Amino acid sequence: MAQAECLANGPHVDGRRPLHLNVGDTDCWFSDTDYNEESFFVRHAYFLGANDPYKAFKTTLKAEINEEGWTALNNDTSRPFNKPESYRTAVKVINHLGDEVMKVFRVDGR
């Protein structure tokens, strides 16, 4: 099956390039890799954040976090995912102030 991925980079949603998202002062971003236009399901979660997000995450969870696993979560590029049956992927970005924006991308494949 064909694969796709999302890239996060910068301060805002960029509609000029498919699956490209600008996220500047972002604490976290989530993707629904098979968005149905009714509900957003977090299928991938990523935590960028400033000021040592690894330490903050460990403190919040009150647990040790596998560093290899953290590396996968602390990323501006998503893990590859199968192109969705809905041909839509939604990405939700939340900044350090709690503001959020969501953008729906069409994933070619029809």
PDB file of N, CA and C in Angstrom:
ATOM      1  N   MET A   1       0.845  -1.172   0.000  1.00  0.00           N
ATOM      2  CA  MET A   1       0.000   0.000   0.000  1.00  0.00           C
ATOM      3  C   MET A   1       0.890   1.234   0.000  1.00  0.00           C
ATOM      4  N   ALA A   2       0.475   2.301  -0.705  1.00  0.00           N
ATOM      5  CA  ALA A   2       1.237   3.538  -0.777  1.00  0.00           C
ATOM      6  C   ALA A   2       1.308   4.194   0.596  1.00  0.00           C
ATOM      7  N   GLN A   3       2.406   4.871   0.863  1.00  0.00           N
ATOM      8  CA  GLN A   3       2.620   5.509   2.156  1.00  0.00           C
ATOM      9  C   GLN A   3       2.672   7.028   1.985  1.00  0.00           C
ATOM     10  N   ALA A   4       2.372   7.746   3.064  1.00  0.00           N
ATOM     11  CA  ALA A   4       2.455   9.195   3.099  1.00  0.00           C
ATOM     12  C   ALA A   4       3.029   9.580   4.452  1.00  0.00           C
ATOM     13  N   GLU A   5       3.433  10.848   4.592  1.00  0.00           N
ATOM     14  CA  GLU A   5       3.847  11.364   5.893  1.00  0.00           C
ATOM     15  C   GLU A   5       3.595  12.860   5.920  1.00  0.00           C
ATOM     16  N   CYS A   6       3.516  13.431   7.125  1.00  0.00           N
ATOM     17  CA  CYS A   6       3.315  14.866   7.312  1.00  0.00           C
ATOM     18  C   CYS A   6       4.616  15.472   7.805  1.00  0.00           C
ATOM     19  N   LEU A   7       4.843  16.733   7.460  1.00  0.00           N
ATOM     20  CA  LEU A   7       6.022  17.475   7.906  1.00  0.00           C
ATOM     21  C   LEU A   7       5.555  18.750   8.575  1.00  0.00           C
ATOM     22  N   ALA A   8       5.999  19.016   9.796  1.00  0.00           N
ATOM     23  CA  ALA A   8       5.657  20.236  10.524  1.00  0.00           C
ATOM     24  C   ALA A   8       6.872  21.156  10.533  1.00  0.00           C
ATOM     25  N   ASN A   9       6.653  22.463  10.196  1.00  0.00           N
ATOM     26  CA  ASN A   9       7.798  23.366  10.079  1.00  0.00           C
ATOM     27  C   ASN A   9       7.330  24.813   9.972  1.00  0.00           C
ATOM     28  N   GLY A  10       7.480  25.653  11.016  1.00  0.00           N
ATOM     29  CA  GLY A  10       7.153  27.071  10.924  1.00  0.00           C
ATOM     30  C   GLY A  10       5.949  27.502  11.758  1.00  0.00           C
ATOM     31  N   PRO A  11       5.417  28.747  11.571  1.00  0.00           N
ATOM     32  CA  PRO A  11       4.396  29.277  12.479  1.00  0.00           C
ATOM     33  C   PRO A  11       2.934  29.167  12.086  1.00  0.00           C
ATOM     34  N   HIS A  12       2.556  28.582  10.974  1.00  0.00           N
ATOM     35  CA  HIS A  12       1.148  28.552  10.587  1.00  0.00           C
ATOM     36  C   HIS A  12       0.862  27.402   9.624  1.00  0.00           C
ATOM     37  N   VAL A  13      -0.410  27.163   9.388  1.00  0.00           N
ATOM     38  CA  VAL A  13      -0.790  26.124   8.440  1.00  0.00           C
ATOM     39  C   VAL A  13      -0.504  26.635   7.039  1.00  0.00           C
ATOM     40  N   ASP A  14       0.147  25.843   6.255  1.00  0.00           N
ATOM     41  CA  ASP A  14       0.542  26.216   4.904  1.00  0.00           C
ATOM     42  C   ASP A  14      -0.253  25.381   3.920  1.00  0.00           C
ATOM     43  N   GLY A  15      -1.192  25.988   3.211  1.00  0.00           N
ATOM     44  CA  GLY A  15      -2.028  25.259   2.284  1.00  0.00           C
ATOM     45  C   GLY A  15      -1.434  25.124   0.895  1.00  0.00           C
ATOM     46  N   ARG A  16      -0.247  25.650   0.692  1.00  0.00           N
ATOM     47  CA  ARG A  16       0.339  25.626  -0.644  1.00  0.00           C
ATOM     48  C   ARG A  16       0.917  24.274  -1.021  1.00  0.00           C
ATOM     49  N   ARG A  17       1.337  23.511  -0.057  1.00  0.00           N
ATOM     50  CA  ARG A  17       1.950  22.210  -0.343  1.00  0.00           C
ATOM     51  C   ARG A  17       1.189  21.112   0.381  1.00  0.00           C
ATOM     52  N   PRO A  18       0.818  20.043  -0.307  1.00  0.00           N
ATOM     53  CA  PRO A  18       0.064  18.988   0.357  1.00  0.00           C
ATOM     54  C   PRO A  18       0.854  18.372   1.517  1.00  0.00           C
ATOM     55  N   LEU A  19       0.140  18.138   2.597  1.00  0.00           N
ATOM     56  CA  LEU A  19       0.699  17.495   3.798  1.00  0.00           C
ATOM     57  C   LEU A  19       1.880  18.246   4.390  1.00  0.00           C
ATOM     58  N   HIS A  20       1.959  19.561   4.149  1.00  0.00           N
ATOM     59  CA  HIS A  20       3.020  20.372   4.746  1.00  0.00           C
ATOM     60  C   HIS A  20       2.369  21.347   5.710  1.00  0.00           C
ATOM     61  N   LEU A  21       2.864  21.404   6.919  1.00  0.00           N
ATOM     62  CA  LEU A  21       2.264  22.212   7.962  1.00  0.00           C
ATOM     63  C   LEU A  21       3.349  23.058   8.608  1.00  0.00           C
ATOM     64  N   ASN A  22       3.117  24.359   8.755  1.00  0.00           N
ATOM     65  CA  ASN A  22       4.051  25.234   9.458  1.00  0.00           C
ATOM     66  C   ASN A  22       3.545  25.409  10.879  1.00  0.00           C
ATOM     67  N   VAL A  23       4.385  25.122  11.863  1.00  0.00           N
ATOM     68  CA  VAL A  23       3.892  25.089  13.240  1.00  0.00           C
ATOM     69  C   VAL A  23       4.733  25.835  14.269  1.00  0.00           C
ATOM     70  N   GLY A  24       5.584  26.735  13.899  1.00  0.00           N
ATOM     71  CA  GLY A  24       6.350  27.618  14.776  1.00  0.00           C
ATOM     72  C   GLY A  24       6.438  27.267  16.246  1.00  0.00           C
ATOM     73  N   ASP A  25       5.734  28.022  17.100  1.00  0.00           N
ATOM     74  CA  ASP A  25       5.789  27.853  18.552  1.00  0.00           C
ATOM     75  C   ASP A  25       4.849  26.739  19.001  1.00  0.00           C
ATOM     76  N   THR A  26       5.031  25.589  18.447  1.00  0.00           N
ATOM     77  CA  THR A  26       4.130  24.474  18.697  1.00  0.00           C
ATOM     78  C   THR A  26       4.598  23.632  19.865  1.00  0.00           C
ATOM     79  N   ASP A  27       3.656  23.313  20.737  1.00  0.00           N
ATOM     80  CA  ASP A  27       3.946  22.367  21.807  1.00  0.00           C
ATOM     81  C   ASP A  27       3.686  20.947  21.336  1.00  0.00           C
ATOM     82  N   CYS A  28       2.603  20.774  20.575  1.00  0.00           N
ATOM     83  CA  CYS A  28       2.279  19.436  20.117  1.00  0.00           C
ATOM     84  C   CYS A  28       1.463  19.500  18.832  1.00  0.00           C
ATOM     85  N   TRP A  29       1.472  18.388  18.122  1.00  0.00           N
ATOM     86  CA  TRP A  29       0.627  18.270  16.929  1.00  0.00           C
ATOM     87  C   TRP A  29       0.191  16.827  16.792  1.00  0.00           C
ATOM     88  N   PHE A  30      -1.005  16.658  16.256  1.00  0.00           N
ATOM     89  CA  PHE A  30      -1.636  15.356  16.167  1.00  0.00           C
ATOM     90  C   PHE A  30      -2.147  15.142  14.755  1.00  0.00           C
ATOM     91  N   SER A  31      -2.176  13.906  14.323  1.00  0.00           N
ATOM     92  CA  SER A  31      -2.744  13.642  13.000  1.00  0.00           C
ATOM     93  C   SER A  31      -3.771  12.518  13.079  1.00  0.00           C
ATOM     94  N   ASP A  32      -4.817  12.712  12.290  1.00  0.00           N
ATOM     95  CA  ASP A  32      -5.816  11.673  12.060  1.00  0.00           C
ATOM     96  C   ASP A  32      -5.569  11.246  10.623  1.00  0.00           C
ATOM     97  N   THR A  33      -4.957  10.110  10.464  1.00  0.00           N
ATOM     98  CA  THR A  33      -4.479   9.680   9.146  1.00  0.00           C
ATOM     99  C   THR A  33      -5.568   9.087   8.265  1.00  0.00           C
ATOM    100  N   ASP A  34      -6.813   9.072   8.750  1.00  0.00           N
ATOM    101  CA  ASP A  34      -7.950   8.642   7.931  1.00  0.00           C
ATOM    102  C   ASP A  34      -9.173   9.440   8.369  1.00  0.00           C
ATOM    103  N   TYR A  35      -9.112  10.750   8.206  1.00  0.00           N
ATOM    104  CA  TYR A  35     -10.129  11.680   8.694  1.00  0.00           C
ATOM    105  C   TYR A  35     -11.447  11.491   7.951  1.00  0.00           C
ATOM    106  N   ASN A  36     -12.552  11.362   8.714  1.00  0.00           N
ATOM    107  CA  ASN A  36     -13.858  11.090   8.112  1.00  0.00           C
ATOM    108  C   ASN A  36     -14.762  12.324   8.047  1.00  0.00           C
ATOM    109  N   GLU A  37     -14.246  13.489   8.355  1.00  0.00           N
ATOM    110  CA  GLU A  37     -14.968  14.773   8.339  1.00  0.00           C
ATOM    111  C   GLU A  37     -16.032  14.887   9.422  1.00  0.00           C
ATOM    112  N   GLU A  38     -16.113  13.929  10.323  1.00  0.00           N
ATOM    113  CA  GLU A  38     -17.064  13.997  11.432  1.00  0.00           C
ATOM    114  C   GLU A  38     -16.350  14.086  12.770  1.00  0.00           C
ATOM    115  N   SER A  39     -15.372  13.241  12.973  1.00  0.00           N
ATOM    116  CA  SER A  39     -14.653  13.190  14.243  1.00  0.00           C
ATOM    117  C   SER A  39     -13.160  13.122  13.983  1.00  0.00           C
ATOM    118  N   PHE A  40     -12.400  13.811  14.840  1.00  0.00           N
ATOM    119  CA  PHE A  40     -10.948  13.769  14.755  1.00  0.00           C
ATOM    120  C   PHE A  40     -10.449  12.722  15.745  1.00  0.00           C
ATOM    121  N   PHE A  41      -9.791  11.693  15.252  1.00  0.00           N
ATOM    122  CA  PHE A  41      -9.201  10.653  16.098  1.00  0.00           C
ATOM    123  C   PHE A  41      -7.691  10.801  16.056  1.00  0.00           C
ATOM    124  N   VAL A  42      -7.071  10.937  17.221  1.00  0.00           N
ATOM    125  CA  VAL A  42      -5.615  11.049  17.269  1.00  0.00           C
ATOM    126  C   VAL A  42      -5.025   9.679  16.970  1.00  0.00           C
ATOM    127  N   ARG A  43      -4.384   9.574  15.828  1.00  0.00           N
ATOM    128  CA  ARG A  43      -3.735   8.323  15.447  1.00  0.00           C
ATOM    129  C   ARG A  43      -2.221   8.433  15.610  1.00  0.00           C
ATOM    130  N   HIS A  44      -1.710   9.667  15.473  1.00  0.00           N
ATOM    131  CA  HIS A  44      -0.296   9.948  15.718  1.00  0.00           C
ATOM    132  C   HIS A  44      -0.235  11.206  16.578  1.00  0.00           C
ATOM    133  N   ALA A  45       0.675  11.225  17.552  1.00  0.00           N
ATOM    134  CA  ALA A  45       0.869  12.388  18.418  1.00  0.00           C
ATOM    135  C   ALA A  45       2.356  12.716  18.474  1.00  0.00           C
ATOM    136  N   TYR A  46       2.660  14.010  18.422  1.00  0.00           N
ATOM    137  CA  TYR A  46       4.052  14.468  18.444  1.00  0.00           C
ATOM    138  C   TYR A  46       4.157  15.659  19.376  1.00  0.00           C
ATOM    139  N   PHE A  47       5.255  15.731  20.110  1.00  0.00           N
ATOM    140  CA  PHE A  47       5.452  16.777  21.105  1.00  0.00           C
ATOM    141  C   PHE A  47       6.773  17.471  20.812  1.00  0.00           C
ATOM    142  N   LEU A  48       6.686  18.747  20.385  1.00  0.00           N
ATOM    143  CA  LEU A  48       7.893  19.494  20.048  1.00  0.00           C
ATOM    144  C   LEU A  48       8.300  20.344  21.241  1.00  0.00           C
ATOM    145  N   GLY A  49       7.550  21.382  21.541  1.00  0.00           N
ATOM    146  CA  GLY A  49       7.768  22.207  22.727  1.00  0.00           C
ATOM    147  C   GLY A  49       9.164  22.766  22.877  1.00  0.00           C
ATOM    148  N   ALA A  50       9.265  23.822  23.636  1.00  0.00           N
ATOM    149  CA  ALA A  50      10.541  24.449  23.952  1.00  0.00           C
ATOM    150  C   ALA A  50      10.893  24.088  25.394  1.00  0.00           C
ATOM    151  N   ASN A  51      12.074  24.460  25.806  1.00  0.00           N
ATOM    152  CA  ASN A  51      12.489  24.292  27.203  1.00  0.00           C
ATOM    153  C   ASN A  51      12.422  22.846  27.683  1.00  0.00           C
ATOM    154  N   ASP A  52      13.059  21.960  26.972  1.00  0.00           N
ATOM    155  CA  ASP A  52      13.205  20.561  27.362  1.00  0.00           C
ATOM    156  C   ASP A  52      11.864  19.837  27.554  1.00  0.00           C
ATOM    157  N   PRO A  53      11.125  19.619  26.458  1.00  0.00           N
ATOM    158  CA  PRO A  53       9.827  18.936  26.583  1.00  0.00           C
ATOM    159  C   PRO A  53       9.943  17.519  27.135  1.00  0.00           C
ATOM    160  N   TYR A  54      11.096  16.854  26.944  1.00  0.00           N
ATOM    161  CA  TYR A  54      11.297  15.506  27.474  1.00  0.00           C
ATOM    162  C   TYR A  54      11.170  15.520  28.995  1.00  0.00           C
ATOM    163  N   LYS A  55      11.832  16.472  29.618  1.00  0.00           N
ATOM    164  CA  LYS A  55      11.792  16.585  31.078  1.00  0.00           C
ATOM    165  C   LYS A  55      10.369  16.913  31.543  1.00  0.00           C
ATOM    166  N   ALA A  56       9.705  17.857  30.848  1.00  0.00           N
ATOM    167  CA  ALA A  56       8.341  18.232  31.224  1.00  0.00           C
ATOM    168  C   ALA A  56       7.384  17.051  31.092  1.00  0.00           C
ATOM    169  N   PHE A  57       7.540  16.282  30.030  1.00  0.00           N
ATOM    170  CA  PHE A  57       6.680  15.130  29.803  1.00  0.00           C
ATOM    171  C   PHE A  57       6.893  14.084  30.895  1.00  0.00           C
ATOM    172  N   LYS A  58       8.154  13.817  31.240  1.00  0.00           N
ATOM    173  CA  LYS A  58       8.457  12.853  32.309  1.00  0.00           C
ATOM    174  C   LYS A  58       7.851  13.308  33.634  1.00  0.00           C
ATOM    175  N   THR A  59       7.957  14.599  33.931  1.00  0.00           N
ATOM    176  CA  THR A  59       7.425  15.137  35.176  1.00  0.00           C
ATOM    177  C   THR A  59       5.912  15.010  35.219  1.00  0.00           C
ATOM    178  N   THR A  60       5.258  15.355  34.105  1.00  0.00           N
ATOM    179  CA  THR A  60       3.796  15.281  34.038  1.00  0.00           C
ATOM    180  C   THR A  60       3.304  13.847  34.226  1.00  0.00           C
ATOM    181  N   LEU A  61       3.973  12.910  33.555  1.00  0.00           N
ATOM    182  CA  LEU A  61       3.565  11.505  33.651  1.00  0.00           C
ATOM    183  C   LEU A  61       4.044  10.833  34.929  1.00  0.00           C
ATOM    184  N   LYS A  62       5.028  11.451  35.599  1.00  0.00           N
ATOM    185  CA  LYS A  62       5.646  10.871  36.787  1.00  0.00           C
ATOM    186  C   LYS A  62       6.151   9.461  36.494  1.00  0.00           C
ATOM    187  N   ALA A  63       6.861   9.366  35.358  1.00  0.00           N
ATOM    188  CA  ALA A  63       7.359   8.060  34.918  1.00  0.00           C
ATOM    189  C   ALA A  63       8.602   8.248  34.058  1.00  0.00           C
ATOM    190  N   GLU A  64       9.341   7.182  33.919  1.00  0.00           N
ATOM    191  CA  GLU A  64      10.461   7.180  32.994  1.00  0.00           C
ATOM    192  C   GLU A  64       9.934   6.931  31.589  1.00  0.00           C
ATOM    193  N   ILE A  65      10.555   7.562  30.614  1.00  0.00           N
ATOM    194  CA  ILE A  65      10.140   7.411  29.224  1.00  0.00           C
ATOM    195  C   ILE A  65      11.312   6.862  28.435  1.00  0.00           C
ATOM    196  N   ASN A  66      11.056   5.829  27.677  1.00  0.00           N
ATOM    197  CA  ASN A  66      12.072   5.246  26.817  1.00  0.00           C
ATOM    198  C   ASN A  66      12.561   6.301  25.836  1.00  0.00           C
ATOM    199  N   GLU A  67      13.877   6.564  25.822  1.00  0.00           N
ATOM    200  CA  GLU A  67      14.418   7.633  24.978  1.00  0.00           C
ATOM    201  C   GLU A  67      14.194   7.372  23.487  1.00  0.00           C
ATOM    202  N   GLU A  68      14.263   6.127  23.062  1.00  0.00           N
ATOM    203  CA  GLU A  68      14.016   5.810  21.653  1.00  0.00           C
ATOM    204  C   GLU A  68      12.557   6.112  21.299  1.00  0.00           C
ATOM    205  N   GLY A  69      11.655   5.756  22.195  1.00  0.00           N
ATOM    206  CA  GLY A  69      10.245   6.058  21.986  1.00  0.00           C
ATOM    207  C   GLY A  69      10.000   7.558  21.969  1.00  0.00           C
ATOM    208  N   TRP A  70      10.677   8.286  22.872  1.00  0.00           N
ATOM    209  CA  TRP A  70      10.533   9.740  22.907  1.00  0.00           C
ATOM    210  C   TRP A  70      11.001  10.371  21.603  1.00  0.00           C
ATOM    211  N   THR A  71      12.071   9.876  21.041  1.00  0.00           N
ATOM    212  CA  THR A  71      12.586  10.410  19.784  1.00  0.00           C
ATOM    213  C   THR A  71      11.529  10.328  18.686  1.00  0.00           C
ATOM    214  N   ALA A  72      10.750   9.273  18.669  1.00  0.00           N
ATOM    215  CA  ALA A  72       9.684   9.132  17.679  1.00  0.00           C
ATOM    216  C   ALA A  72       8.567  10.144  17.916  1.00  0.00           C
ATOM    217  N   LEU A  73       8.334  10.522  19.190  1.00  0.00           N
ATOM    218  CA  LEU A  73       7.274  11.480  19.523  1.00  0.00           C
ATOM    219  C   LEU A  73       7.723  12.928  19.415  1.00  0.00           C
ATOM    220  N   ASN A  74       9.005  13.182  19.582  1.00  0.00           N
ATOM    221  CA  ASN A  74       9.569  14.529  19.554  1.00  0.00           C
ATOM    222  C   ASN A  74      10.105  14.783  18.147  1.00  0.00           C
ATOM    223  N   ASN A  75       9.177  14.939  17.205  1.00  0.00           N
ATOM    224  CA  ASN A  75       9.566  14.972  15.805  1.00  0.00           C
ATOM    225  C   ASN A  75       8.666  15.908  15.026  1.00  0.00           C
ATOM    226  N   ASP A  76       9.249  16.576  14.026  1.00  0.00           N
ATOM    227  CA  ASP A  76       8.437  17.434  13.165  1.00  0.00           C
ATOM    228  C   ASP A  76       7.992  16.719  11.892  1.00  0.00           C
ATOM    229  N   THR A  77       8.360  15.446  11.769  1.00  0.00           N
ATOM    230  CA  THR A  77       7.925  14.636  10.632  1.00  0.00           C
ATOM    231  C   THR A  77       7.226  13.397  11.182  1.00  0.00           C
ATOM    232  N   SER A  78       6.058  13.120  10.659  1.00  0.00           N
ATOM    233  CA  SER A  78       5.296  11.978  11.163  1.00  0.00           C
ATOM    234  C   SER A  78       5.929  10.659  10.746  1.00  0.00           C
ATOM    235  N   ARG A  79       5.518   9.630  11.445  1.00  0.00           N
ATOM    236  CA  ARG A  79       5.866   8.287  10.991  1.00  0.00           C
ATOM    237  C   ARG A  79       5.100   8.049   9.698  1.00  0.00           C
ATOM    238  N   PRO A  80       5.635   7.267   8.776  1.00  0.00           N
ATOM    239  CA  PRO A  80       4.880   6.960   7.545  1.00  0.00           C
ATOM    240  C   PRO A  80       3.568   6.257   7.886  1.00  0.00           C
ATOM    241  N   PHE A  81       2.554   6.533   7.090  1.00  0.00           N
ATOM    242  CA  PHE A  81       1.262   5.881   7.283  1.00  0.00           C
ATOM    243  C   PHE A  81       0.668   5.534   5.927  1.00  0.00           C
ATOM    244  N   ASN A  82      -0.168   4.519   5.920  1.00  0.00           N
ATOM    245  CA  ASN A  82      -0.826   4.117   4.680  1.00  0.00           C
ATOM    246  C   ASN A  82      -1.760   5.221   4.209  1.00  0.00           C
ATOM    247  N   LYS A  83      -1.823   5.409   2.896  1.00  0.00           N
ATOM    248  CA  LYS A  83      -2.753   6.397   2.370  1.00  0.00           C
ATOM    249  C   LYS A  83      -4.161   5.996   2.796  1.00  0.00           C
ATOM    250  N   PRO A  84      -4.921   6.953   3.306  1.00  0.00           N
ATOM    251  CA  PRO A  84      -6.222   6.628   3.900  1.00  0.00           C
ATOM    252  C   PRO A  84      -7.304   6.284   2.879  1.00  0.00           C
ATOM    253  N   GLU A  85      -8.232   5.447   3.320  1.00  0.00           N
ATOM    254  CA  GLU A  85      -9.386   5.102   2.475  1.00  0.00           C
ATOM    255  C   GLU A  85     -10.232   6.338   2.184  1.00  0.00           C
ATOM    256  N   SER A  86     -10.280   7.275   3.114  1.00  0.00           N
ATOM    257  CA  SER A  86     -11.078   8.492   2.945  1.00  0.00           C
ATOM    258  C   SER A  86     -10.384   9.510   2.035  1.00  0.00           C
ATOM    259  N   TYR A  87      -9.115   9.287   1.736  1.00  0.00           N
ATOM    260  CA  TYR A  87      -8.276  10.208   0.962  1.00  0.00           C
ATOM    261  C   TYR A  87      -8.097  11.546   1.672  1.00  0.00           C
ATOM    262  N   ARG A  88      -8.325  11.577   2.999  1.00  0.00           N
ATOM    263  CA  ARG A  88      -8.151  12.789   3.779  1.00  0.00           C
ATOM    264  C   ARG A  88      -7.345  12.484   5.040  1.00  0.00           C
ATOM    265  N   THR A  89      -6.459  13.412   5.342  1.00  0.00           N
ATOM    266  CA  THR A  89      -5.708  13.382   6.582  1.00  0.00           C
ATOM    267  C   THR A  89      -5.903  14.734   7.245  1.00  0.00           C
ATOM    268  N   ALA A  90      -6.186  14.743   8.541  1.00  0.00           N
ATOM    269  CA  ALA A  90      -6.335  15.993   9.276  1.00  0.00           C
ATOM    270  C   ALA A  90      -5.182  16.117  10.258  1.00  0.00           C
ATOM    271  N   VAL A  91      -4.692  17.338  10.412  1.00  0.00           N
ATOM    272  CA  VAL A  91      -3.608  17.607  11.347  1.00  0.00           C
ATOM    273  C   VAL A  91      -4.050  18.733  12.263  1.00  0.00           C
ATOM    274  N   LYS A  92      -3.914  18.512  13.559  1.00  0.00           N
ATOM    275  CA  LYS A  92      -4.274  19.512  14.562  1.00  0.00           C
ATOM    276  C   LYS A  92      -2.993  19.935  15.268  1.00  0.00           C
ATOM    277  N   VAL A  93      -2.791  21.255  15.370  1.00  0.00           N
ATOM    278  CA  VAL A  93      -1.597  21.828  15.983  1.00  0.00           C
ATOM    279  C   VAL A  93      -2.018  22.671  17.175  1.00  0.00           C
ATOM    280  N   ILE A  94      -1.319  22.523  18.298  1.00  0.00           N
ATOM    281  CA  ILE A  94      -1.603  23.313  19.494  1.00  0.00           C
ATOM    282  C   ILE A  94      -0.319  24.021  19.911  1.00  0.00           C
ATOM    283  N   ASN A  95      -0.401  25.354  20.077  1.00  0.00           N
ATOM    284  CA  ASN A  95       0.797  26.101  20.466  1.00  0.00           C
ATOM    285  C   ASN A  95       0.908  26.208  21.982  1.00  0.00           C
ATOM    286  N   HIS A  96       1.946  26.880  22.444  1.00  0.00           N
ATOM    287  CA  HIS A  96       2.220  26.958  23.878  1.00  0.00           C
ATOM    288  C   HIS A  96       1.179  27.784  24.647  1.00  0.00           C
ATOM    289  N   LEU A  97       0.306  28.513  23.945  1.00  0.00           N
ATOM    290  CA  LEU A  97      -0.760  29.282  24.587  1.00  0.00           C
ATOM    291  C   LEU A  97      -2.079  28.510  24.636  1.00  0.00           C
ATOM    292  N   GLY A  98      -2.097  27.325  24.033  1.00  0.00           N
ATOM    293  CA  GLY A  98      -3.310  26.526  23.994  1.00  0.00           C
ATOM    294  C   GLY A  98      -4.162  26.779  22.765  1.00  0.00           C
ATOM    295  N   ASP A  99      -3.709  27.687  21.881  1.00  0.00           N
ATOM    296  CA  ASP A  99      -4.431  27.921  20.630  1.00  0.00           C
ATOM    297  C   ASP A  99      -4.263  26.713  19.741  1.00  0.00           C
ATOM    298  N   GLU A 100      -5.327  26.348  19.035  1.00  0.00           N
ATOM    299  CA  GLU A 100      -5.215  25.195  18.148  1.00  0.00           C
ATOM    300  C   GLU A 100      -5.778  25.522  16.775  1.00  0.00           C
ATOM    301  N   VAL A 101      -5.239  24.851  15.789  1.00  0.00           N
ATOM    302  CA  VAL A 101      -5.703  24.982  14.417  1.00  0.00           C
ATOM    303  C   VAL A 101      -5.715  23.586  13.808  1.00  0.00           C
ATOM    304  N   MET A 102      -6.691  23.342  12.950  1.00  0.00           N
ATOM    305  CA  MET A 102      -6.752  22.051  12.276  1.00  0.00           C
ATOM    306  C   MET A 102      -6.823  22.292  10.778  1.00  0.00           C
ATOM    307  N   LYS A 103      -6.119  21.483  10.028  1.00  0.00           N
ATOM    308  CA  LYS A 103      -6.107  21.569   8.572  1.00  0.00           C
ATOM    309  C   LYS A 103      -6.345  20.173   8.025  1.00  0.00           C
ATOM    310  N   VAL A 104      -7.207  20.077   7.017  1.00  0.00           N
ATOM    311  CA  VAL A 104      -7.487  18.804   6.359  1.00  0.00           C
ATOM    312  C   VAL A 104      -6.768  18.803   5.024  1.00  0.00           C
ATOM    313  N   PHE A 105      -6.045  17.743   4.760  1.00  0.00           N
ATOM    314  CA  PHE A 105      -5.290  17.585   3.511  1.00  0.00           C
ATOM    315  C   PHE A 105      -5.878  16.440   2.709  1.00  0.00           C
ATOM    316  N   ARG A 106      -5.966  16.623   1.433  1.00  0.00           N
ATOM    317  CA  ARG A 106      -6.360  15.556   0.532  1.00  0.00           C
ATOM    318  C   ARG A 106      -5.108  14.757   0.193  1.00  0.00           C
ATOM    319  N   VAL A 107      -5.190  13.452   0.315  1.00  0.00           N
ATOM    320  CA  VAL A 107      -4.078  12.574  -0.020  1.00  0.00           C
ATOM    321  C   VAL A 107      -4.435  11.919  -1.341  1.00  0.00           C
ATOM    322  N   ASP A 108      -3.698  12.246  -2.390  1.00  0.00           N
ATOM    323  CA  ASP A 108      -4.000  11.706  -3.721  1.00  0.00           C
ATOM    324  C   ASP A 108      -3.933  10.198  -3.719  1.00  0.00           C
ATOM    325  N   GLY A 109      -4.733   9.603  -4.546  1.00  0.00           N
ATOM    326  CA  GLY A 109      -4.718   8.153  -4.627  1.00  0.00           C
ATOM    327  C   GLY A 109      -5.877   7.587  -5.415  1.00  0.00           C
ATOM    328  N   ARG A 110      -6.815   8.419  -5.774  1.00  0.00           N
ATOM    329  CA  ARG A 110      -7.977   7.940  -6.539  1.00  0.00           C
ATOM    330  C   ARG A 110      -7.650   7.843  -7.990  1.00  0.00           C
TER     331      ARG A 110
END
